């Protein structure tokens, strides 16, 4: 369950007047629900999405994820809460000096998985996203669509309750975008996560 209550986000540059990116938004998203955030460019879609894992802090209001006010957390408590929230980024955010398998494994190590369970989980997830044969490749050796599949694998590896998608196909060509959307539908059907998606 995601609850956003009267959230506002203001940004201030220097001594200038604050710019309101998100204005008095309230919404509830049920467990397992797929929810889309749609609007014009500059409407605050990404900013709102990023309040759900506290990458952006609300200036007013509160954000609850699974009964925890994530907007009030910091330090270890915030890191623990984020382990239940996966995020697929628009521009992949992969570690270029690590292989595909290592990129996915990193998220599991950060979540405290036992070492003996990481490799089997990585293999399982890479098979799900169609990259089992690319496990030892580096990001520079992958196409845009393959990089986004790594991003998806990393986001869902830790069995998150919530999946945030920040326009993950906007930088991809049409055919590749279609394959990524098909993969996401497959994951939605199998995993039962709450999914919040920002689209163009």
N, C-alpha and C. Protein backbone atom coordinates (compact mmCIF):
# COMPACT_ATOMS: atom_id res chain seq x y z
N UNK A 1 0.84 -1.20 0.00
CA UNK A 1 0.00 0.00 0.00
C UNK A 1 0.88 1.25 0.00
N UNK A 2 0.56 2.17 -0.89
CA UNK A 2 1.27 3.46 -0.95
C UNK A 2 0.25 4.55 -0.66
N UNK A 3 0.60 5.44 0.25
CA UNK A 3 -0.28 6.56 0.59
C UNK A 3 0.51 7.86 0.49
N UNK A 4 0.04 8.75 -0.36
CA UNK A 4 0.63 10.08 -0.49
C UNK A 4 -0.41 11.07 0.02
N UNK A 5 -0.03 11.84 1.02
CA UNK A 5 -0.98 12.75 1.65
C UNK A 5 -0.51 14.20 1.54
N UNK A 6 -1.23 14.98 0.72
CA UNK A 6 -1.00 16.43 0.59
C UNK A 6 0.48 16.77 0.39
N UNK A 7 1.11 16.08 -0.55
CA UNK A 7 2.54 16.28 -0.80
C UNK A 7 2.79 17.46 -1.73
N UNK A 8 3.70 18.31 -1.31
CA UNK A 8 4.22 19.41 -2.12
C UNK A 8 5.74 19.29 -2.16
N UNK A 9 6.33 19.62 -3.30
CA UNK A 9 7.79 19.65 -3.41
C UNK A 9 8.19 20.98 -4.03
N UNK A 10 9.02 21.71 -3.32
CA UNK A 10 9.53 23.00 -3.79
C UNK A 10 11.03 22.92 -4.02
N UNK A 11 11.50 23.56 -5.08
CA UNK A 11 12.93 23.68 -5.35
C UNK A 11 13.31 25.15 -5.36
N UNK A 12 14.44 25.46 -4.74
CA UNK A 12 14.91 26.84 -4.71
C UNK A 12 16.33 26.91 -5.26
N UNK A 13 16.55 27.80 -6.21
CA UNK A 13 17.88 28.03 -6.78
C UNK A 13 18.45 29.31 -6.17
N UNK A 14 19.51 29.17 -5.40
CA UNK A 14 20.12 30.34 -4.78
C UNK A 14 19.14 31.04 -3.86
N UNK A 15 19.01 32.37 -4.05
CA UNK A 15 18.10 33.16 -3.22
C UNK A 15 16.78 33.44 -3.93
N UNK A 16 16.55 32.71 -5.03
CA UNK A 16 15.35 32.97 -5.81
C UNK A 16 14.09 32.47 -5.15
N UNK A 17 12.99 32.76 -5.80
CA UNK A 17 11.68 32.31 -5.32
C UNK A 17 11.54 30.81 -5.54
N UNK A 18 11.05 30.07 -4.56
CA UNK A 18 10.88 28.62 -4.74
C UNK A 18 9.96 28.29 -5.91
N UNK A 19 10.30 27.23 -6.62
CA UNK A 19 9.47 26.72 -7.70
C UNK A 19 8.77 25.47 -7.21
N UNK A 20 7.48 25.43 -7.33
CA UNK A 20 6.71 24.27 -6.86
C UNK A 20 6.61 23.25 -7.98
N UNK A 21 7.26 22.09 -7.77
CA UNK A 21 7.26 21.03 -8.76
C UNK A 21 6.08 20.07 -8.58
N UNK A 22 5.68 19.87 -7.33
CA UNK A 22 4.53 19.02 -7.01
C UNK A 22 3.64 19.80 -6.05
N UNK A 23 2.35 19.89 -6.37
CA UNK A 23 1.46 20.77 -5.61
C UNK A 23 0.27 20.00 -5.03
N UNK A 24 0.31 19.73 -3.73
CA UNK A 24 -0.83 19.20 -2.97
C UNK A 24 -1.40 17.92 -3.60
N UNK A 25 -0.55 16.91 -3.73
CA UNK A 25 -0.97 15.64 -4.32
C UNK A 25 -1.30 14.64 -3.21
N UNK A 26 -2.46 14.01 -3.33
CA UNK A 26 -2.86 12.93 -2.43
C UNK A 26 -3.35 11.76 -3.28
N UNK A 27 -2.90 10.56 -2.96
CA UNK A 27 -3.40 9.38 -3.65
C UNK A 27 -3.07 8.13 -2.84
N UNK A 28 -3.86 7.09 -3.08
CA UNK A 28 -3.64 5.80 -2.44
C UNK A 28 -3.50 4.76 -3.55
N UNK A 29 -2.50 3.90 -3.44
CA UNK A 29 -2.27 2.84 -4.41
C UNK A 29 -2.28 1.52 -3.65
N UNK A 30 -3.19 0.64 -4.00
CA UNK A 30 -3.35 -0.62 -3.28
C UNK A 30 -2.22 -1.59 -3.61
N UNK A 31 -2.00 -2.55 -2.73
CA UNK A 31 -1.01 -3.59 -2.97
C UNK A 31 -1.36 -4.33 -4.26
N UNK A 32 -0.38 -4.51 -5.13
CA UNK A 32 -0.58 -5.21 -6.39
C UNK A 32 -1.15 -4.36 -7.51
N UNK A 33 -1.48 -3.11 -7.24
CA UNK A 33 -2.07 -2.23 -8.26
C UNK A 33 -0.98 -1.65 -9.16
N UNK A 34 -1.33 -1.45 -10.43
CA UNK A 34 -0.45 -0.79 -11.39
C UNK A 34 -1.00 0.61 -11.61
N UNK A 35 -0.16 1.62 -11.36
CA UNK A 35 -0.61 3.01 -11.37
C UNK A 35 0.30 3.82 -12.28
N UNK A 36 -0.28 4.62 -13.16
CA UNK A 36 0.50 5.44 -14.08
C UNK A 36 0.46 6.91 -13.71
N UNK A 37 1.60 7.58 -13.84
CA UNK A 37 1.69 9.03 -13.65
C UNK A 37 1.90 9.65 -15.02
N UNK A 38 0.94 10.41 -15.48
CA UNK A 38 0.96 10.98 -16.83
C UNK A 38 0.84 12.49 -16.74
N UNK A 39 1.55 13.20 -17.60
CA UNK A 39 1.44 14.66 -17.61
C UNK A 39 2.40 15.25 -18.62
N UNK A 40 2.31 16.54 -18.82
CA UNK A 40 3.18 17.22 -19.77
C UNK A 40 4.60 17.30 -19.22
N UNK A 41 5.54 17.62 -20.09
CA UNK A 41 6.93 17.80 -19.67
C UNK A 41 7.02 18.90 -18.63
N UNK A 42 7.75 18.63 -17.55
CA UNK A 42 7.91 19.62 -16.49
C UNK A 42 6.78 19.65 -15.48
N UNK A 43 5.86 18.69 -15.58
CA UNK A 43 4.70 18.69 -14.67
C UNK A 43 5.02 18.12 -13.29
N UNK A 44 6.22 17.57 -13.11
CA UNK A 44 6.61 17.03 -11.80
C UNK A 44 6.42 15.54 -11.65
N UNK A 45 6.29 14.82 -12.78
CA UNK A 45 6.05 13.38 -12.72
C UNK A 45 7.20 12.63 -12.06
N UNK A 46 8.42 12.88 -12.53
CA UNK A 46 9.58 12.20 -11.94
C UNK A 46 9.79 12.61 -10.50
N UNK A 47 9.56 13.87 -10.20
CA UNK A 47 9.73 14.36 -8.83
C UNK A 47 8.78 13.64 -7.89
N UNK A 48 7.52 13.50 -8.30
CA UNK A 48 6.55 12.78 -7.47
C UNK A 48 6.97 11.32 -7.29
N UNK A 49 7.38 10.69 -8.39
CA UNK A 49 7.81 9.29 -8.32
C UNK A 49 8.96 9.11 -7.33
N UNK A 50 9.90 10.03 -7.36
CA UNK A 50 11.09 9.91 -6.51
C UNK A 50 10.79 10.18 -5.04
N UNK A 51 9.63 10.74 -4.72
CA UNK A 51 9.26 10.87 -3.30
C UNK A 51 8.91 9.50 -2.71
N UNK A 52 8.59 8.53 -3.56
CA UNK A 52 8.16 7.23 -3.06
C UNK A 52 9.31 6.40 -2.50
N UNK A 53 10.55 6.74 -2.86
CA UNK A 53 11.69 6.07 -2.23
C UNK A 53 12.63 7.09 -1.58
N UNK A 54 12.11 8.31 -1.40
CA UNK A 54 12.83 9.39 -0.70
C UNK A 54 14.11 9.81 -1.41
N UNK A 55 14.19 9.59 -2.72
CA UNK A 55 15.27 10.23 -3.49
C UNK A 55 15.01 11.72 -3.56
N UNK A 56 13.75 12.09 -3.49
CA UNK A 56 13.34 13.49 -3.34
C UNK A 56 12.45 13.58 -2.10
N UNK A 57 12.71 14.57 -1.26
CA UNK A 57 11.94 14.74 -0.04
C UNK A 57 10.81 15.75 -0.26
N UNK A 58 9.62 15.45 0.21
CA UNK A 58 8.55 16.45 0.10
C UNK A 58 8.81 17.64 1.00
N UNK A 59 8.46 18.82 0.51
CA UNK A 59 8.55 20.03 1.34
C UNK A 59 7.41 20.08 2.34
N UNK A 60 6.29 19.50 1.96
CA UNK A 60 5.12 19.38 2.84
C UNK A 60 4.47 18.03 2.58
N UNK A 61 3.69 17.56 3.56
CA UNK A 61 2.97 16.31 3.39
C UNK A 61 3.80 15.11 3.79
N UNK A 62 3.23 13.93 3.54
CA UNK A 62 3.94 12.71 3.93
C UNK A 62 3.71 11.61 2.91
N UNK A 63 4.66 10.67 2.87
CA UNK A 63 4.59 9.53 1.97
C UNK A 63 4.75 8.26 2.80
N UNK A 64 3.75 7.39 2.77
CA UNK A 64 3.80 6.11 3.47
C UNK A 64 3.89 4.98 2.45
N UNK A 65 4.82 4.06 2.67
CA UNK A 65 4.93 2.86 1.85
C UNK A 65 4.87 1.65 2.78
N UNK A 66 3.87 0.82 2.58
CA UNK A 66 3.67 -0.36 3.44
C UNK A 66 3.62 0.00 4.92
N UNK A 67 2.92 1.09 5.22
CA UNK A 67 2.71 1.48 6.60
C UNK A 67 3.86 2.22 7.25
N UNK A 68 4.91 2.50 6.48
CA UNK A 68 6.08 3.21 7.01
C UNK A 68 6.16 4.58 6.36
N UNK A 69 6.30 5.62 7.16
CA UNK A 69 6.42 6.97 6.61
C UNK A 69 7.84 7.16 6.09
N UNK A 70 8.05 6.78 4.83
CA UNK A 70 9.39 6.79 4.27
C UNK A 70 9.95 8.21 4.16
N UNK A 71 9.06 9.18 4.03
CA UNK A 71 9.51 10.58 3.91
C UNK A 71 10.12 11.09 5.20
N UNK A 72 9.95 10.36 6.31
CA UNK A 72 10.51 10.79 7.59
C UNK A 72 11.76 10.01 7.99
N UNK A 73 12.16 9.05 7.15
CA UNK A 73 13.30 8.19 7.49
C UNK A 73 14.61 8.75 6.98
N UNK A 74 15.69 8.34 7.61
CA UNK A 74 17.03 8.60 7.08
C UNK A 74 17.96 7.50 7.59
N UNK A 75 19.21 7.55 7.15
CA UNK A 75 20.21 6.60 7.62
C UNK A 75 19.83 5.15 7.38
N UNK A 76 20.11 4.31 8.37
CA UNK A 76 19.89 2.87 8.25
C UNK A 76 18.43 2.53 8.02
N UNK A 77 17.54 3.23 8.70
CA UNK A 77 16.10 2.95 8.54
C UNK A 77 15.65 3.19 7.11
N UNK A 78 16.16 4.25 6.47
CA UNK A 78 15.80 4.53 5.09
C UNK A 78 16.39 3.47 4.16
N UNK A 79 17.63 3.08 4.39
CA UNK A 79 18.24 2.04 3.55
C UNK A 79 17.45 0.74 3.63
N UNK A 80 17.00 0.40 4.82
CA UNK A 80 16.21 -0.83 4.98
C UNK A 80 14.87 -0.72 4.26
N UNK A 81 14.22 0.42 4.36
CA UNK A 81 12.93 0.61 3.68
C UNK A 81 13.08 0.55 2.17
N UNK A 82 14.17 1.09 1.65
CA UNK A 82 14.40 1.08 0.20
C UNK A 82 14.64 -0.31 -0.35
N UNK A 83 15.03 -1.25 0.50
CA UNK A 83 15.25 -2.62 0.03
C UNK A 83 13.95 -3.27 -0.43
N UNK A 84 12.81 -2.73 -0.03
CA UNK A 84 11.52 -3.27 -0.44
C UNK A 84 10.94 -2.50 -1.63
N UNK A 85 11.73 -1.57 -2.16
CA UNK A 85 11.27 -0.73 -3.28
C UNK A 85 12.30 -0.83 -4.41
N UNK A 86 11.90 -1.40 -5.54
CA UNK A 86 12.78 -1.45 -6.70
C UNK A 86 12.53 -0.25 -7.59
N UNK A 87 13.56 0.16 -8.34
CA UNK A 87 13.38 1.29 -9.25
C UNK A 87 14.10 1.03 -10.57
N UNK A 88 13.36 1.24 -11.66
CA UNK A 88 13.91 1.15 -13.01
C UNK A 88 14.10 2.57 -13.51
N UNK A 89 15.33 2.92 -13.83
CA UNK A 89 15.66 4.29 -14.21
C UNK A 89 15.59 4.47 -15.73
N UNK A 90 15.32 5.69 -16.13
CA UNK A 90 15.24 6.02 -17.55
C UNK A 90 16.57 5.80 -18.26
N UNK A 91 17.67 6.14 -17.58
CA UNK A 91 18.99 6.05 -18.22
C UNK A 91 19.85 4.96 -17.61
N UNK A 92 19.21 3.88 -17.17
CA UNK A 92 19.83 2.61 -16.79
C UNK A 92 20.56 2.65 -15.44
N UNK A 93 21.48 3.63 -15.22
CA UNK A 93 22.23 3.72 -13.96
C UNK A 93 22.99 2.44 -13.63
N UNK A 94 23.63 1.85 -14.62
CA UNK A 94 24.43 0.64 -14.39
C UNK A 94 25.85 1.02 -14.00
N UNK A 95 26.52 0.10 -13.31
CA UNK A 95 27.93 0.28 -12.97
C UNK A 95 28.76 -0.28 -14.12
N UNK A 96 29.47 0.59 -14.81
CA UNK A 96 30.12 0.21 -16.07
C UNK A 96 31.34 -0.67 -15.90
N UNK A 97 31.91 -0.70 -14.70
CA UNK A 97 33.09 -1.55 -14.46
C UNK A 97 32.70 -2.92 -13.93
N UNK A 98 31.40 -3.21 -13.86
CA UNK A 98 30.93 -4.51 -13.39
C UNK A 98 30.14 -5.20 -14.49
N UNK A 99 30.20 -6.51 -14.49
CA UNK A 99 29.46 -7.28 -15.48
C UNK A 99 27.96 -7.22 -15.21
N UNK A 100 27.21 -7.77 -16.14
CA UNK A 100 25.76 -7.84 -15.97
C UNK A 100 25.42 -8.56 -14.67
N UNK A 101 26.02 -9.73 -14.46
CA UNK A 101 25.74 -10.50 -13.24
C UNK A 101 26.14 -9.73 -11.99
N UNK A 102 27.27 -9.05 -12.06
CA UNK A 102 27.74 -8.28 -10.89
C UNK A 102 26.84 -7.09 -10.60
N UNK A 103 26.28 -6.47 -11.63
CA UNK A 103 25.34 -5.37 -11.42
C UNK A 103 24.11 -5.86 -10.65
N UNK A 104 23.60 -7.02 -11.03
CA UNK A 104 22.43 -7.56 -10.35
C UNK A 104 22.79 -8.04 -8.95
N UNK A 105 23.94 -8.69 -8.83
CA UNK A 105 24.37 -9.20 -7.52
C UNK A 105 24.59 -8.08 -6.51
N UNK A 106 25.01 -6.93 -7.00
CA UNK A 106 25.30 -5.81 -6.09
C UNK A 106 24.07 -5.45 -5.26
N UNK A 107 22.90 -5.43 -5.90
CA UNK A 107 21.68 -5.06 -5.17
C UNK A 107 21.35 -6.09 -4.10
N UNK A 108 21.66 -7.35 -4.37
CA UNK A 108 21.40 -8.40 -3.38
C UNK A 108 22.37 -8.33 -2.22
N UNK A 109 23.63 -8.04 -2.52
CA UNK A 109 24.61 -7.87 -1.45
C UNK A 109 24.21 -6.71 -0.55
N UNK A 110 23.78 -5.62 -1.17
CA UNK A 110 23.37 -4.44 -0.39
C UNK A 110 22.17 -4.75 0.49
N UNK A 111 21.34 -5.69 0.05
CA UNK A 111 20.15 -6.07 0.81
C UNK A 111 20.44 -7.12 1.87
N UNK A 112 21.70 -7.56 1.94
CA UNK A 112 22.09 -8.50 2.99
C UNK A 112 21.85 -9.97 2.69
N UNK A 113 21.74 -10.32 1.41
CA UNK A 113 21.55 -11.72 1.05
C UNK A 113 22.78 -12.54 1.43
N UNK A 114 22.57 -13.81 1.79
CA UNK A 114 23.68 -14.72 2.03
C UNK A 114 24.40 -14.97 0.71
N UNK A 115 25.73 -15.04 0.80
CA UNK A 115 26.53 -15.19 -0.42
C UNK A 115 26.12 -16.42 -1.23
N UNK A 116 25.81 -17.52 -0.55
CA UNK A 116 25.48 -18.76 -1.25
C UNK A 116 24.18 -18.67 -2.04
N UNK A 117 23.33 -17.69 -1.71
CA UNK A 117 22.03 -17.56 -2.38
C UNK A 117 22.05 -16.54 -3.51
N UNK A 118 23.12 -15.75 -3.59
CA UNK A 118 23.15 -14.66 -4.57
C UNK A 118 23.29 -15.18 -5.99
N UNK A 119 24.26 -16.05 -6.24
CA UNK A 119 24.49 -16.54 -7.61
C UNK A 119 23.27 -17.24 -8.19
N UNK A 120 22.60 -18.13 -7.45
CA UNK A 120 21.39 -18.75 -8.01
C UNK A 120 20.29 -17.74 -8.31
N UNK A 121 20.14 -16.75 -7.45
CA UNK A 121 19.11 -15.73 -7.68
C UNK A 121 19.45 -14.89 -8.91
N UNK A 122 20.71 -14.53 -9.07
CA UNK A 122 21.13 -13.77 -10.24
C UNK A 122 20.84 -14.56 -11.51
N UNK A 123 21.18 -15.85 -11.51
CA UNK A 123 20.93 -16.69 -12.68
C UNK A 123 19.44 -16.77 -12.99
N UNK A 124 18.62 -16.91 -11.95
CA UNK A 124 17.17 -16.98 -12.13
C UNK A 124 16.61 -15.71 -12.76
N UNK A 125 17.05 -14.57 -12.25
CA UNK A 125 16.54 -13.29 -12.74
C UNK A 125 17.02 -13.01 -14.16
N UNK A 126 18.28 -13.31 -14.45
CA UNK A 126 18.78 -13.07 -15.81
C UNK A 126 18.07 -13.95 -16.82
N UNK A 127 17.69 -15.15 -16.42
CA UNK A 127 16.90 -16.01 -17.31
C UNK A 127 15.52 -15.38 -17.55
N UNK A 128 14.92 -14.86 -16.49
CA UNK A 128 13.60 -14.23 -16.61
C UNK A 128 13.62 -13.07 -17.60
N UNK A 129 14.67 -12.25 -17.57
CA UNK A 129 14.72 -11.07 -18.44
C UNK A 129 15.41 -11.36 -19.77
N UNK A 130 15.77 -12.62 -20.02
CA UNK A 130 16.34 -13.00 -21.31
C UNK A 130 17.79 -12.64 -21.51
N UNK A 131 18.55 -12.60 -20.42
CA UNK A 131 19.97 -12.21 -20.51
C UNK A 131 20.90 -13.26 -19.92
N UNK A 132 20.46 -14.49 -19.82
CA UNK A 132 21.30 -15.53 -19.22
C UNK A 132 22.63 -15.67 -19.96
N UNK A 133 22.62 -15.44 -21.27
CA UNK A 133 23.85 -15.58 -22.06
C UNK A 133 24.71 -14.33 -22.04
N UNK A 134 24.26 -13.29 -21.34
CA UNK A 134 25.03 -12.03 -21.28
C UNK A 134 25.57 -11.77 -19.87
N UNK A 135 25.55 -12.77 -19.01
CA UNK A 135 25.91 -12.57 -17.60
C UNK A 135 27.30 -11.99 -17.42
N UNK A 136 28.24 -12.36 -18.28
CA UNK A 136 29.63 -11.92 -18.12
C UNK A 136 30.00 -10.75 -19.02
N UNK A 137 29.02 -10.17 -19.67
CA UNK A 137 29.26 -8.98 -20.50
C UNK A 137 29.27 -7.73 -19.62
N UNK A 138 29.94 -6.69 -20.13
CA UNK A 138 29.92 -5.39 -19.47
C UNK A 138 28.89 -4.50 -20.15
N UNK A 139 28.38 -3.49 -19.46
CA UNK A 139 27.35 -2.63 -20.06
C UNK A 139 27.73 -2.06 -21.42
N UNK A 140 28.99 -1.72 -21.63
CA UNK A 140 29.41 -1.15 -22.90
C UNK A 140 29.21 -2.12 -24.06
N UNK A 141 29.09 -3.40 -23.75
CA UNK A 141 28.91 -4.43 -24.78
C UNK A 141 27.44 -4.74 -25.06
N UNK A 142 26.54 -4.00 -24.44
CA UNK A 142 25.11 -4.27 -24.57
C UNK A 142 24.39 -3.20 -25.37
N UNK A 143 23.27 -3.57 -25.96
CA UNK A 143 22.39 -2.60 -26.62
C UNK A 143 21.59 -1.85 -25.56
N UNK A 144 20.90 -0.80 -25.98
CA UNK A 144 20.08 -0.04 -25.04
C UNK A 144 19.00 -0.90 -24.40
N UNK A 145 18.36 -1.74 -25.20
CA UNK A 145 17.32 -2.61 -24.66
C UNK A 145 17.87 -3.62 -23.66
N UNK A 146 19.06 -4.15 -23.96
CA UNK A 146 19.68 -5.09 -23.03
C UNK A 146 20.08 -4.41 -21.73
N UNK A 147 20.57 -3.19 -21.82
CA UNK A 147 20.91 -2.44 -20.60
C UNK A 147 19.66 -2.23 -19.74
N UNK A 148 18.54 -1.93 -20.39
CA UNK A 148 17.32 -1.72 -19.61
C UNK A 148 16.85 -3.01 -18.98
N UNK A 149 17.09 -4.14 -19.64
CA UNK A 149 16.74 -5.43 -19.04
C UNK A 149 17.60 -5.70 -17.80
N UNK A 150 18.85 -5.29 -17.84
CA UNK A 150 19.70 -5.41 -16.65
C UNK A 150 19.12 -4.55 -15.52
N UNK A 151 18.69 -3.33 -15.88
CA UNK A 151 18.09 -2.45 -14.89
C UNK A 151 16.84 -3.06 -14.27
N UNK A 152 16.03 -3.72 -15.09
CA UNK A 152 14.83 -4.39 -14.59
C UNK A 152 15.21 -5.54 -13.67
N UNK A 153 16.20 -6.33 -14.10
CA UNK A 153 16.65 -7.46 -13.28
C UNK A 153 17.13 -6.99 -11.92
N UNK A 154 17.91 -5.94 -11.92
CA UNK A 154 18.43 -5.40 -10.66
C UNK A 154 17.29 -4.90 -9.77
N UNK A 155 16.28 -4.28 -10.38
CA UNK A 155 15.18 -3.69 -9.61
C UNK A 155 14.30 -4.74 -8.94
N UNK A 156 14.16 -5.91 -9.56
CA UNK A 156 13.25 -6.92 -9.02
C UNK A 156 13.97 -8.06 -8.31
N UNK A 157 15.30 -8.04 -8.30
CA UNK A 157 16.07 -9.17 -7.76
C UNK A 157 15.74 -9.45 -6.30
N UNK A 158 15.49 -8.42 -5.52
CA UNK A 158 15.29 -8.58 -4.08
C UNK A 158 13.81 -8.77 -3.70
N UNK A 159 12.99 -9.18 -4.67
CA UNK A 159 11.55 -9.39 -4.43
C UNK A 159 10.89 -8.16 -3.80
N UNK A 160 10.99 -6.99 -4.43
CA UNK A 160 10.41 -5.79 -3.82
C UNK A 160 8.89 -5.85 -3.77
N UNK A 161 8.33 -5.10 -2.84
CA UNK A 161 6.87 -4.97 -2.75
C UNK A 161 6.36 -3.92 -3.72
N UNK A 162 7.23 -2.96 -4.04
CA UNK A 162 6.86 -1.82 -4.89
C UNK A 162 7.91 -1.67 -5.98
N UNK A 163 7.47 -1.46 -7.21
CA UNK A 163 8.38 -1.23 -8.33
C UNK A 163 8.08 0.14 -8.94
N UNK A 164 9.08 1.01 -8.95
CA UNK A 164 8.96 2.35 -9.53
C UNK A 164 9.62 2.35 -10.90
N UNK A 165 8.93 2.88 -11.89
CA UNK A 165 9.43 2.89 -13.27
C UNK A 165 9.45 4.32 -13.78
N UNK A 166 10.65 4.87 -13.98
CA UNK A 166 10.78 6.26 -14.42
C UNK A 166 10.99 6.32 -15.93
N UNK A 167 9.89 6.19 -16.68
CA UNK A 167 9.92 6.24 -18.15
C UNK A 167 11.04 5.37 -18.70
N UNK A 168 11.06 4.07 -18.37
CA UNK A 168 12.20 3.23 -18.74
C UNK A 168 12.35 2.93 -20.21
N UNK A 169 11.35 3.27 -21.04
CA UNK A 169 11.48 3.00 -22.47
C UNK A 169 11.64 4.27 -23.30
N UNK A 170 11.69 5.43 -22.66
CA UNK A 170 11.68 6.68 -23.41
C UNK A 170 12.94 6.90 -24.24
N UNK A 171 14.05 6.27 -23.83
CA UNK A 171 15.31 6.45 -24.56
C UNK A 171 15.55 5.33 -25.57
N UNK A 172 14.56 4.46 -25.78
CA UNK A 172 14.73 3.29 -26.63
C UNK A 172 13.91 3.42 -27.91
N UNK A 173 14.37 2.72 -28.95
CA UNK A 173 13.62 2.72 -30.20
C UNK A 173 12.33 1.94 -30.02
N UNK A 174 11.39 2.12 -30.96
CA UNK A 174 10.03 1.61 -30.80
C UNK A 174 9.99 0.10 -30.61
N UNK A 175 10.70 -0.64 -31.44
CA UNK A 175 10.66 -2.11 -31.35
C UNK A 175 11.22 -2.59 -30.02
N UNK A 176 12.32 -1.97 -29.59
CA UNK A 176 12.92 -2.33 -28.31
C UNK A 176 11.98 -1.98 -27.16
N UNK A 177 11.34 -0.82 -27.26
CA UNK A 177 10.38 -0.41 -26.23
C UNK A 177 9.26 -1.43 -26.09
N UNK A 178 8.79 -1.95 -27.22
CA UNK A 178 7.70 -2.93 -27.19
C UNK A 178 8.13 -4.19 -26.45
N UNK A 179 9.38 -4.63 -26.67
CA UNK A 179 9.85 -5.84 -26.00
C UNK A 179 10.01 -5.62 -24.50
N UNK A 180 10.44 -4.41 -24.11
CA UNK A 180 10.58 -4.09 -22.69
C UNK A 180 9.20 -4.03 -22.02
N UNK A 181 8.23 -3.45 -22.71
CA UNK A 181 6.87 -3.39 -22.17
C UNK A 181 6.28 -4.79 -22.00
N UNK A 182 6.56 -5.67 -22.98
CA UNK A 182 6.09 -7.05 -22.87
C UNK A 182 6.72 -7.75 -21.67
N UNK A 183 8.00 -7.49 -21.45
CA UNK A 183 8.68 -8.08 -20.29
C UNK A 183 8.06 -7.57 -18.99
N UNK A 184 7.77 -6.28 -18.93
CA UNK A 184 7.17 -5.74 -17.72
C UNK A 184 5.79 -6.34 -17.46
N UNK A 185 5.02 -6.57 -18.50
CA UNK A 185 3.71 -7.21 -18.32
C UNK A 185 3.88 -8.62 -17.77
N UNK A 186 4.89 -9.32 -18.26
CA UNK A 186 5.17 -10.67 -17.78
C UNK A 186 5.53 -10.64 -16.30
N UNK A 187 6.36 -9.69 -15.91
CA UNK A 187 6.77 -9.57 -14.52
C UNK A 187 5.59 -9.20 -13.64
N UNK A 188 4.76 -8.27 -14.12
CA UNK A 188 3.57 -7.87 -13.35
C UNK A 188 2.67 -9.07 -13.07
N UNK A 189 2.50 -9.92 -14.09
CA UNK A 189 1.62 -11.07 -13.95
C UNK A 189 2.16 -12.08 -12.95
N UNK A 190 3.49 -12.19 -12.87
CA UNK A 190 4.10 -13.21 -12.02
C UNK A 190 4.34 -12.73 -10.60
N UNK A 191 4.60 -11.45 -10.41
CA UNK A 191 5.14 -10.98 -9.13
C UNK A 191 4.11 -10.35 -8.20
N UNK A 192 3.06 -9.74 -8.73
CA UNK A 192 2.04 -9.15 -7.87
C UNK A 192 2.50 -7.94 -7.08
N UNK A 193 3.49 -7.21 -7.60
CA UNK A 193 3.97 -6.01 -6.91
C UNK A 193 3.07 -4.83 -7.22
N UNK A 194 3.07 -3.85 -6.33
CA UNK A 194 2.53 -2.54 -6.68
C UNK A 194 3.51 -1.91 -7.66
N UNK A 195 3.01 -1.32 -8.72
CA UNK A 195 3.89 -0.74 -9.73
C UNK A 195 3.42 0.69 -10.03
N UNK A 196 4.35 1.64 -9.94
CA UNK A 196 4.05 3.04 -10.22
C UNK A 196 4.94 3.46 -11.38
N UNK A 197 4.34 3.97 -12.45
CA UNK A 197 5.08 4.22 -13.69
C UNK A 197 4.90 5.66 -14.14
N UNK A 198 6.02 6.27 -14.42
CA UNK A 198 6.01 7.60 -15.02
C UNK A 198 6.18 7.44 -16.52
N UNK A 199 5.25 8.01 -17.28
CA UNK A 199 5.34 7.93 -18.73
C UNK A 199 5.48 9.33 -19.30
N UNK A 200 5.90 9.38 -20.57
CA UNK A 200 6.09 10.68 -21.21
C UNK A 200 4.75 11.35 -21.49
